[in-house]
Amino acid sequence: MVASITFDDETLGACEALVKACRASGVTVGTAESCTGGLVAAAVTAIPGSSEALRGGVVSYAIPVKHEVLGVSDSILKAPGVGAVSSECAAAMAEGARRVLGCDVAVSVTGIAGPGGEEPGKPVGTVWMGVATPHGTRTFPNLFEGGRARVRAQAVRRALELLAQGVRESAERG
């Protein structure tokens, strides 16, 4: 059976607004995704004309991809209490996506969607996100509730909010 991806009206509306803002400002975006597995990029590409906004995305589900493609350092990935689900990793992923994709603004998503995978201090639903712009990088912790699908859907919506914020800031600051 082939599964199809569908997004709710709120998510598609956020994507339409993002694409419109990118087209109006000339700002491009990209993604570095782990637990969302490319869903952020997929949501954006559901919008006609998104090729003017989205440069691409890196699905860095595996640790070696985070390291080898996005440039997340071993000192982050192997550090006790830090690792792939951390502020440090989210920042490095977003910065790596900006570099690799050649975009103005990049968002990263790394977390534990469940049902397993929790670690001490990092329950299921823990998702770190980063946004990198020409003006710097910021990270944001999130704790989403629900099962795997709900955690991932909430992460997609939050990532779209962060991209939109980054586009606005980049357009305003030039």
N, C-alpha and C. Protein backbone atom coordinates (compact mmCIF):
# COMPACT_ATOMS: atom_id res chain seq x y z
N MET A 1 0.84 -1.18 0.00
CA MET A 1 0.00 0.00 0.00
C MET A 1 0.88 1.24 0.00
N VAL A 2 0.55 2.21 -0.83
CA VAL A 2 1.27 3.46 -0.90
C VAL A 2 0.53 4.49 -0.06
N ALA A 3 1.24 5.10 0.85
CA ALA A 3 0.64 6.13 1.68
C ALA A 3 0.77 7.48 0.99
N SER A 4 -0.25 8.29 1.09
CA SER A 4 -0.16 9.63 0.53
C SER A 4 -0.03 10.64 1.66
N ILE A 5 0.61 11.73 1.35
CA ILE A 5 0.80 12.78 2.34
C ILE A 5 -0.24 13.86 2.09
N THR A 6 -0.99 14.19 3.12
CA THR A 6 -1.93 15.29 3.03
C THR A 6 -1.66 16.24 4.19
N PHE A 7 -1.91 17.50 3.95
CA PHE A 7 -1.70 18.52 4.97
C PHE A 7 -3.02 19.24 5.21
N ASP A 8 -3.25 19.65 6.46
CA ASP A 8 -4.49 20.34 6.77
C ASP A 8 -4.47 21.76 6.22
N ASP A 9 -5.63 22.40 6.25
CA ASP A 9 -5.77 23.73 5.67
C ASP A 9 -4.88 24.75 6.37
N GLU A 10 -4.70 24.62 7.67
CA GLU A 10 -3.84 25.56 8.42
C GLU A 10 -2.40 25.46 7.93
N THR A 11 -1.93 24.24 7.75
CA THR A 11 -0.55 24.03 7.28
C THR A 11 -0.39 24.56 5.86
N LEU A 12 -1.33 24.25 4.99
CA LEU A 12 -1.25 24.72 3.61
C LEU A 12 -1.36 26.24 3.53
N GLY A 13 -2.17 26.83 4.39
CA GLY A 13 -2.26 28.29 4.45
C GLY A 13 -0.94 28.92 4.86
N ALA A 14 -0.28 28.31 5.83
CA ALA A 14 1.03 28.80 6.26
C ALA A 14 2.05 28.68 5.13
N CYS A 15 1.96 27.61 4.37
CA CYS A 15 2.87 27.43 3.23
C CYS A 15 2.61 28.46 2.15
N GLU A 16 1.34 28.72 1.87
CA GLU A 16 1.01 29.74 0.86
C GLU A 16 1.55 31.10 1.27
N ALA A 17 1.38 31.46 2.53
CA ALA A 17 1.87 32.74 3.03
C ALA A 17 3.40 32.80 2.96
N LEU A 18 4.05 31.68 3.29
CA LEU A 18 5.51 31.64 3.23
C LEU A 18 6.00 31.83 1.80
N VAL A 19 5.43 31.11 0.86
CA VAL A 19 5.84 31.23 -0.54
C VAL A 19 5.61 32.65 -1.04
N LYS A 20 4.48 33.23 -0.69
CA LYS A 20 4.16 34.60 -1.10
C LYS A 20 5.20 35.58 -0.54
N ALA A 21 5.54 35.42 0.75
CA ALA A 21 6.52 36.31 1.38
C ALA A 21 7.90 36.15 0.73
N CYS A 22 8.27 34.92 0.42
CA CYS A 22 9.57 34.68 -0.23
C CYS A 22 9.60 35.33 -1.61
N ARG A 23 8.54 35.16 -2.36
CA ARG A 23 8.49 35.72 -3.71
C ARG A 23 8.53 37.24 -3.67
N ALA A 24 7.84 37.83 -2.72
CA ALA A 24 7.79 39.29 -2.61
C ALA A 24 9.13 39.88 -2.19
N SER A 25 9.87 39.16 -1.36
CA SER A 25 11.12 39.69 -0.80
C SER A 25 12.37 39.17 -1.51
N GLY A 26 12.22 38.11 -2.30
CA GLY A 26 13.39 37.51 -2.95
C GLY A 26 14.22 36.66 -2.01
N VAL A 27 13.68 36.33 -0.85
CA VAL A 27 14.38 35.50 0.14
C VAL A 27 14.09 34.03 -0.16
N THR A 28 15.13 33.20 -0.11
CA THR A 28 14.96 31.77 -0.34
C THR A 28 15.10 31.01 0.97
N VAL A 29 14.48 29.83 1.02
CA VAL A 29 14.49 29.02 2.23
C VAL A 29 14.93 27.60 1.93
N GLY A 30 15.31 26.90 3.00
CA GLY A 30 15.68 25.49 2.90
C GLY A 30 15.43 24.81 4.23
N THR A 31 15.52 23.48 4.22
CA THR A 31 15.24 22.72 5.43
C THR A 31 16.32 21.68 5.70
N ALA A 32 16.50 21.37 6.95
CA ALA A 32 17.31 20.24 7.41
C ALA A 32 16.42 19.49 8.39
N GLU A 33 15.97 18.31 8.01
CA GLU A 33 14.96 17.62 8.79
C GLU A 33 15.43 16.24 9.23
N SER A 34 15.13 15.92 10.47
CA SER A 34 15.38 14.58 10.98
C SER A 34 14.04 13.92 11.26
N CYS A 35 13.44 14.15 12.40
CA CYS A 35 12.23 13.42 12.79
C CYS A 35 11.03 13.70 11.90
N THR A 36 11.04 14.80 11.14
CA THR A 36 9.94 15.08 10.23
C THR A 36 10.17 14.46 8.85
N GLY A 37 11.33 13.93 8.60
CA GLY A 37 11.59 13.15 7.40
C GLY A 37 11.27 13.83 6.09
N GLY A 38 11.40 15.14 6.01
CA GLY A 38 11.13 15.86 4.77
C GLY A 38 9.73 16.43 4.67
N LEU A 39 8.94 16.31 5.71
CA LEU A 39 7.56 16.80 5.65
C LEU A 39 7.46 18.32 5.54
N VAL A 40 8.41 19.05 6.11
CA VAL A 40 8.37 20.50 6.00
C VAL A 40 8.55 20.89 4.53
N ALA A 41 9.57 20.35 3.89
CA ALA A 41 9.79 20.63 2.48
C ALA A 41 8.62 20.15 1.62
N ALA A 42 8.07 18.99 1.95
CA ALA A 42 6.93 18.47 1.20
C ALA A 42 5.73 19.40 1.31
N ALA A 43 5.50 19.96 2.49
CA ALA A 43 4.38 20.87 2.67
C ALA A 43 4.56 22.12 1.80
N VAL A 44 5.77 22.67 1.82
CA VAL A 44 6.03 23.88 1.02
C VAL A 44 5.84 23.58 -0.47
N THR A 45 6.33 22.44 -0.93
CA THR A 45 6.24 22.12 -2.35
C THR A 45 4.82 21.74 -2.79
N ALA A 46 3.90 21.64 -1.86
CA ALA A 46 2.49 21.44 -2.23
C ALA A 46 1.90 22.71 -2.84
N ILE A 47 2.61 23.82 -2.70
CA ILE A 47 2.12 25.12 -3.18
C ILE A 47 2.69 25.41 -4.56
N PRO A 48 1.85 25.69 -5.54
CA PRO A 48 2.36 26.07 -6.86
C PRO A 48 3.25 27.31 -6.76
N GLY A 49 4.35 27.31 -7.47
CA GLY A 49 5.29 28.43 -7.44
C GLY A 49 6.30 28.34 -6.33
N SER A 50 6.27 27.27 -5.56
CA SER A 50 7.20 27.14 -4.43
C SER A 50 8.65 27.03 -4.87
N SER A 51 8.90 26.72 -6.13
CA SER A 51 10.29 26.62 -6.60
C SER A 51 11.00 27.97 -6.55
N GLU A 52 10.25 29.05 -6.50
CA GLU A 52 10.87 30.38 -6.35
C GLU A 52 11.28 30.65 -4.90
N ALA A 53 10.78 29.86 -3.98
CA ALA A 53 11.04 30.08 -2.55
C ALA A 53 11.97 29.02 -1.96
N LEU A 54 11.70 27.76 -2.23
CA LEU A 54 12.42 26.66 -1.59
C LEU A 54 13.60 26.20 -2.45
N ARG A 55 14.80 26.31 -1.88
CA ARG A 55 16.00 25.84 -2.58
C ARG A 55 16.15 24.32 -2.48
N GLY A 56 15.69 23.75 -1.37
CA GLY A 56 15.77 22.31 -1.19
C GLY A 56 15.73 21.94 0.27
N GLY A 57 15.93 20.65 0.51
CA GLY A 57 15.92 20.15 1.87
C GLY A 57 16.85 18.96 2.00
N VAL A 58 17.36 18.79 3.21
CA VAL A 58 18.21 17.64 3.52
C VAL A 58 17.48 16.84 4.59
N VAL A 59 17.19 15.59 4.29
CA VAL A 59 16.63 14.69 5.30
C VAL A 59 17.81 14.00 5.95
N SER A 60 18.12 14.43 7.14
CA SER A 60 19.30 13.92 7.86
C SER A 60 18.84 13.05 9.02
N TYR A 61 18.12 12.01 8.68
CA TYR A 61 17.57 11.11 9.69
C TYR A 61 18.68 10.36 10.42
N ALA A 62 19.70 9.96 9.70
CA ALA A 62 20.81 9.21 10.28
C ALA A 62 21.91 10.15 10.77
N ILE A 63 22.53 9.78 11.86
CA ILE A 63 23.61 10.57 12.45
C ILE A 63 24.72 10.86 11.43
N PRO A 64 25.19 9.87 10.65
CA PRO A 64 26.25 10.18 9.68
C PRO A 64 25.86 11.26 8.67
N VAL A 65 24.60 11.36 8.32
CA VAL A 65 24.17 12.40 7.38
C VAL A 65 24.25 13.78 8.06
N LYS A 66 23.85 13.84 9.32
CA LYS A 66 23.99 15.10 10.06
C LYS A 66 25.44 15.55 10.04
N HIS A 67 26.34 14.60 10.23
CA HIS A 67 27.77 14.92 10.30
C HIS A 67 28.36 15.18 8.92
N GLU A 68 28.19 14.24 8.00
CA GLU A 68 28.88 14.30 6.71
C GLU A 68 28.28 15.31 5.74
N VAL A 69 26.98 15.50 5.76
CA VAL A 69 26.34 16.42 4.82
C VAL A 69 26.17 17.80 5.42
N LEU A 70 25.65 17.87 6.64
CA LEU A 70 25.35 19.16 7.26
C LEU A 70 26.49 19.71 8.09
N GLY A 71 27.49 18.89 8.38
CA GLY A 71 28.65 19.38 9.12
C GLY A 71 28.48 19.47 10.62
N VAL A 72 27.52 18.75 11.17
CA VAL A 72 27.38 18.74 12.63
C VAL A 72 28.58 18.00 13.20
N SER A 73 29.26 18.62 14.14
CA SER A 73 30.52 18.06 14.65
C SER A 73 30.30 16.83 15.51
N ASP A 74 31.29 15.97 15.50
CA ASP A 74 31.26 14.80 16.38
C ASP A 74 31.21 15.22 17.84
N SER A 75 31.80 16.37 18.16
CA SER A 75 31.79 16.82 19.56
C SER A 75 30.38 17.12 20.03
N ILE A 76 29.49 17.49 19.12
CA ILE A 76 28.08 17.69 19.46
C ILE A 76 27.36 16.35 19.49
N LEU A 77 27.53 15.58 18.43
CA LEU A 77 26.77 14.34 18.28
C LEU A 77 27.12 13.28 19.31
N LYS A 78 28.36 13.28 19.80
CA LYS A 78 28.80 12.25 20.74
C LYS A 78 28.89 12.73 22.18
N ALA A 79 28.58 13.98 22.42
CA ALA A 79 28.69 14.52 23.78
C ALA A 79 27.57 14.00 24.67
N PRO A 80 27.91 13.48 25.84
CA PRO A 80 26.88 13.02 26.77
C PRO A 80 25.93 14.17 27.12
N GLY A 81 24.63 13.90 27.04
CA GLY A 81 23.64 14.90 27.38
C GLY A 81 23.37 15.91 26.27
N VAL A 82 24.11 15.84 25.18
CA VAL A 82 23.90 16.76 24.06
C VAL A 82 23.31 15.94 22.93
N GLY A 83 24.12 15.46 22.01
CA GLY A 83 23.67 14.55 20.97
C GLY A 83 22.81 15.19 19.90
N ALA A 84 22.11 14.34 19.15
CA ALA A 84 21.33 14.78 18.00
C ALA A 84 20.08 15.55 18.38
N VAL A 85 19.56 15.35 19.57
CA VAL A 85 18.36 16.07 20.00
C VAL A 85 18.80 17.13 21.01
N SER A 86 19.25 18.27 20.45
CA SER A 86 19.82 19.32 21.29
C SER A 86 19.79 20.65 20.56
N SER A 87 19.94 21.71 21.32
CA SER A 87 20.06 23.05 20.76
C SER A 87 21.27 23.13 19.84
N GLU A 88 22.37 22.57 20.30
CA GLU A 88 23.62 22.63 19.52
C GLU A 88 23.48 21.95 18.17
N CYS A 89 22.84 20.78 18.15
CA CYS A 89 22.65 20.05 16.90
C CYS A 89 21.69 20.81 15.99
N ALA A 90 20.60 21.34 16.55
CA ALA A 90 19.63 22.09 15.74
C ALA A 90 20.31 23.30 15.09
N ALA A 91 21.16 24.00 15.84
CA ALA A 91 21.86 25.17 15.28
C ALA A 91 22.79 24.75 14.15
N ALA A 92 23.57 23.71 14.39
CA ALA A 92 24.52 23.26 13.37
C ALA A 92 23.81 22.74 12.12
N MET A 93 22.67 22.07 12.30
CA MET A 93 21.90 21.58 11.15
C MET A 93 21.37 22.74 10.32
N ALA A 94 20.82 23.77 10.96
CA ALA A 94 20.28 24.92 10.23
C ALA A 94 21.40 25.65 9.48
N GLU A 95 22.53 25.84 10.14
CA GLU A 95 23.66 26.51 9.50
C GLU A 95 24.20 25.67 8.34
N GLY A 96 24.24 24.35 8.53
CA GLY A 96 24.69 23.46 7.46
C GLY A 96 23.75 23.50 6.27
N ALA A 97 22.45 23.57 6.52
CA ALA A 97 21.49 23.64 5.43
C ALA A 97 21.64 24.93 4.64
N ARG A 98 21.86 26.04 5.33
CA ARG A 98 22.08 27.32 4.63
C ARG A 98 23.28 27.20 3.71
N ARG A 99 24.33 26.61 4.22
CA ARG A 99 25.57 26.48 3.46
C ARG A 99 25.39 25.52 2.27
N VAL A 100 24.89 24.33 2.53
CA VAL A 100 24.77 23.30 1.50
C VAL A 100 23.75 23.68 0.43
N LEU A 101 22.65 24.29 0.84
CA LEU A 101 21.57 24.60 -0.10
C LEU A 101 21.70 25.98 -0.73
N GLY A 102 22.54 26.82 -0.16
CA GLY A 102 22.70 28.17 -0.70
C GLY A 102 21.46 29.02 -0.56
N CYS A 103 20.76 28.85 0.56
CA CYS A 103 19.53 29.61 0.80
C CYS A 103 19.78 30.72 1.82
N ASP A 104 18.84 31.65 1.88
CA ASP A 104 18.95 32.76 2.83
C ASP A 104 18.56 32.36 4.25
N VAL A 105 17.50 31.56 4.36
CA VAL A 105 16.96 31.15 5.65
C VAL A 105 16.77 29.65 5.64
N ALA A 106 17.24 28.99 6.71
CA ALA A 106 17.04 27.54 6.81
C ALA A 106 16.51 27.21 8.19
N VAL A 107 15.63 26.21 8.21
CA VAL A 107 15.09 25.70 9.47
C VAL A 107 15.59 24.27 9.64
N SER A 108 15.81 23.89 10.88
CA SER A 108 16.17 22.50 11.19
C SER A 108 15.19 21.94 12.20
N VAL A 109 14.99 20.63 12.11
CA VAL A 109 14.08 19.92 13.01
C VAL A 109 14.78 18.63 13.43
N THR A 110 14.97 18.45 14.73
CA THR A 110 15.59 17.22 15.23
C THR A 110 14.95 16.86 16.56
N GLY A 111 14.44 15.64 16.67
CA GLY A 111 13.74 15.30 17.89
C GLY A 111 13.33 13.85 17.98
N ILE A 112 12.45 13.60 18.91
CA ILE A 112 11.99 12.25 19.21
C ILE A 112 10.47 12.21 18.98
N ALA A 113 10.07 11.65 17.83
CA ALA A 113 8.66 11.61 17.48
C ALA A 113 7.93 10.44 18.13
N GLY A 114 8.67 9.42 18.56
CA GLY A 114 8.06 8.28 19.23
C GLY A 114 7.67 7.18 18.28
N PRO A 115 7.11 6.13 18.76
CA PRO A 115 6.69 5.96 20.16
C PRO A 115 7.85 5.66 21.11
N GLY A 116 8.97 5.20 20.60
CA GLY A 116 10.13 4.94 21.45
C GLY A 116 11.18 6.01 21.24
N GLY A 117 12.37 5.76 21.77
CA GLY A 117 13.50 6.64 21.55
C GLY A 117 13.77 7.66 22.62
N GLU A 118 12.90 7.71 23.64
CA GLU A 118 13.14 8.72 24.67
C GLU A 118 14.44 8.45 25.40
N GLU A 119 15.02 9.52 25.92
CA GLU A 119 16.27 9.48 26.67
C GLU A 119 16.05 10.23 27.97
N PRO A 120 16.94 10.08 28.93
CA PRO A 120 16.79 10.86 30.16
C PRO A 120 16.74 12.36 29.86
N GLY A 121 15.70 13.02 30.33
CA GLY A 121 15.53 14.44 30.09
C GLY A 121 15.00 14.80 28.71
N LYS A 122 14.76 13.78 27.89
CA LYS A 122 14.26 14.01 26.53
C LYS A 122 13.13 13.02 26.24
N PRO A 123 11.93 13.35 26.72
CA PRO A 123 10.80 12.45 26.49
C PRO A 123 10.34 12.48 25.03
N VAL A 124 9.52 11.50 24.66
CA VAL A 124 8.90 11.52 23.34
C VAL A 124 8.18 12.85 23.18
N GLY A 125 8.33 13.46 22.03
CA GLY A 125 7.75 14.78 21.76
C GLY A 125 8.74 15.91 21.89
N THR A 126 9.95 15.61 22.40
CA THR A 126 11.00 16.62 22.47
C THR A 126 11.52 16.88 21.07
N VAL A 127 11.42 18.12 20.62
CA VAL A 127 11.89 18.49 19.29
C VAL A 127 12.60 19.83 19.38
N TRP A 128 13.86 19.83 19.00
CA TRP A 128 14.64 21.07 18.90
C TRP A 128 14.58 21.56 17.47
N MET A 129 14.45 22.86 17.32
CA MET A 129 14.46 23.48 16.00
C MET A 129 15.44 24.63 15.99
N GLY A 130 16.02 24.84 14.83
CA GLY A 130 16.92 25.97 14.65
C GLY A 130 16.49 26.74 13.42
N VAL A 131 16.79 28.02 13.43
CA VAL A 131 16.59 28.84 12.23
C VAL A 131 17.85 29.66 12.03
N ALA A 132 18.42 29.54 10.85
CA ALA A 132 19.64 30.27 10.50
C ALA A 132 19.31 31.27 9.40
N THR A 133 19.73 32.50 9.62
CA THR A 133 19.53 33.58 8.66
C THR A 133 20.88 34.28 8.45
N PRO A 134 20.95 35.22 7.53
CA PRO A 134 22.21 35.96 7.38
C PRO A 134 22.58 36.75 8.65
N HIS A 135 21.62 36.90 9.55
CA HIS A 135 21.84 37.70 10.75
C HIS A 135 22.10 36.88 12.00
N GLY A 136 22.18 35.56 11.86
CA GLY A 136 22.47 34.71 13.01
C GLY A 136 21.59 33.47 13.07
N THR A 137 21.84 32.69 14.11
CA THR A 137 21.13 31.42 14.30
C THR A 137 20.53 31.39 15.68
N ARG A 138 19.29 30.92 15.76
CA ARG A 138 18.62 30.76 17.06
C ARG A 138 18.03 29.37 17.11
N THR A 139 17.86 28.87 18.32
CA THR A 139 17.25 27.55 18.50
C THR A 139 16.05 27.66 19.43
N PHE A 140 15.17 26.67 19.30
CA PHE A 140 13.91 26.68 20.04
C PHE A 140 13.57 25.28 20.50
N PRO A 141 13.37 25.09 21.82
CA PRO A 141 12.93 23.78 22.31
C PRO A 141 11.41 23.67 22.19
N ASN A 142 10.95 22.48 21.92
CA ASN A 142 9.52 22.21 21.84
C ASN A 142 9.24 20.88 22.53
N LEU A 143 8.08 20.78 23.13
CA LEU A 143 7.62 19.51 23.68
C LEU A 143 6.20 19.32 23.18
N PHE A 144 6.05 18.51 22.16
CA PHE A 144 4.76 18.26 21.54
C PHE A 144 4.12 17.03 22.16
N GLU A 145 2.80 17.05 22.27
CA GLU A 145 2.08 15.92 22.85
C GLU A 145 1.40 15.10 21.76
N GLY A 146 1.14 13.85 22.09
CA GLY A 146 0.41 12.98 21.17
C GLY A 146 1.31 11.89 20.61
N GLY A 147 0.73 11.13 19.70
CA GLY A 147 1.46 10.06 19.04
C GLY A 147 2.38 10.58 17.97
N ARG A 148 3.06 9.68 17.31
CA ARG A 148 4.08 10.02 16.31
C ARG A 148 3.55 10.98 15.24
N ALA A 149 2.41 10.66 14.66
CA ALA A 149 1.87 11.50 13.58
C ALA A 149 1.55 12.91 14.09
N ARG A 150 1.01 12.99 15.29
CA ARG A 150 0.65 14.32 15.84
C ARG A 150 1.90 15.13 16.17
N VAL A 151 2.91 14.48 16.74
CA VAL A 151 4.17 15.18 17.04
C VAL A 151 4.77 15.73 15.75
N ARG A 152 4.80 14.91 14.73
CA ARG A 152 5.39 15.34 13.47
C ARG A 152 4.58 16.47 12.83
N ALA A 153 3.26 16.39 12.87
CA ALA A 153 2.42 17.45 12.30
C ALA A 153 2.63 18.77 13.03
N GLN A 154 2.71 18.72 14.36
CA GLN A 154 2.96 19.94 15.13
C GLN A 154 4.34 20.51 14.82
N ALA A 155 5.31 19.63 14.64
CA ALA A 155 6.67 20.08 14.32
C ALA A 155 6.69 20.77 12.95
N VAL A 156 5.97 20.24 12.00
CA VAL A 156 5.91 20.87 10.67
C VAL A 156 5.34 22.28 10.79
N ARG A 157 4.24 22.43 11.50
CA ARG A 157 3.61 23.75 11.64
C ARG A 157 4.55 24.74 12.33
N ARG A 158 5.22 24.29 13.38
CA ARG A 158 6.16 25.18 14.08
C ARG A 158 7.34 25.54 13.19
N ALA A 159 7.85 24.60 12.43
CA ALA A 159 8.96 24.88 11.52
C ALA A 159 8.56 25.91 10.47
N LEU A 160 7.34 25.81 9.97
CA LEU A 160 6.86 26.79 8.99
C LEU A 160 6.77 28.19 9.62
N GLU A 161 6.34 28.26 10.88
CA GLU A 161 6.30 29.54 11.58
C GLU A 161 7.69 30.14 11.68
N LEU A 162 8.67 29.30 12.01
CA LEU A 162 10.05 29.79 12.15
C LEU A 162 10.62 30.24 10.81
N LEU A 163 10.32 29.51 9.74
CA LEU A 163 10.76 29.95 8.42
C LEU A 163 10.15 31.30 8.07
N ALA A 164 8.85 31.45 8.31
CA ALA A 164 8.18 32.72 8.00
C ALA A 164 8.79 33.87 8.80
N GLN A 165 9.08 33.62 10.06
CA GLN A 165 9.71 34.64 10.90
C GLN A 165 11.08 35.00 10.36
N GLY A 166 11.85 34.00 9.97
CA GLY A 166 13.18 34.25 9.40
C GLY A 166 13.13 35.02 8.10
N VAL A 167 12.14 34.72 7.27
CA VAL A 167 11.97 35.44 6.00
C VAL A 167 11.63 36.91 6.29
N ARG A 168 10.69 37.14 7.21
CA ARG A 168 10.32 38.52 7.56
C ARG A 168 11.52 39.29 8.06
N GLU A 169 12.27 38.71 8.98
CA GLU A 169 13.43 39.39 9.55
C GLU A 169 14.48 39.66 8.48
N SER A 170 14.71 38.70 7.59
CA SER A 170 15.71 38.88 6.53
C SER A 170 15.27 39.97 5.57
N ALA A 171 13.99 40.01 5.23
CA ALA A 171 13.48 41.03 4.31
C ALA A 171 13.57 42.43 4.94
N GLU A 172 13.26 42.52 6.24
CA GLU A 172 13.28 43.81 6.93
C GLU A 172 14.70 44.35 7.10
N ARG A 173 15.65 43.45 7.39
CA ARG A 173 17.02 43.85 7.68
C ARG A 173 17.90 43.89 6.45
N GLY A 174 17.35 43.37 5.34
CA GLY A 174 18.08 43.38 4.07
C GLY A 174 19.18 42.45 4.09
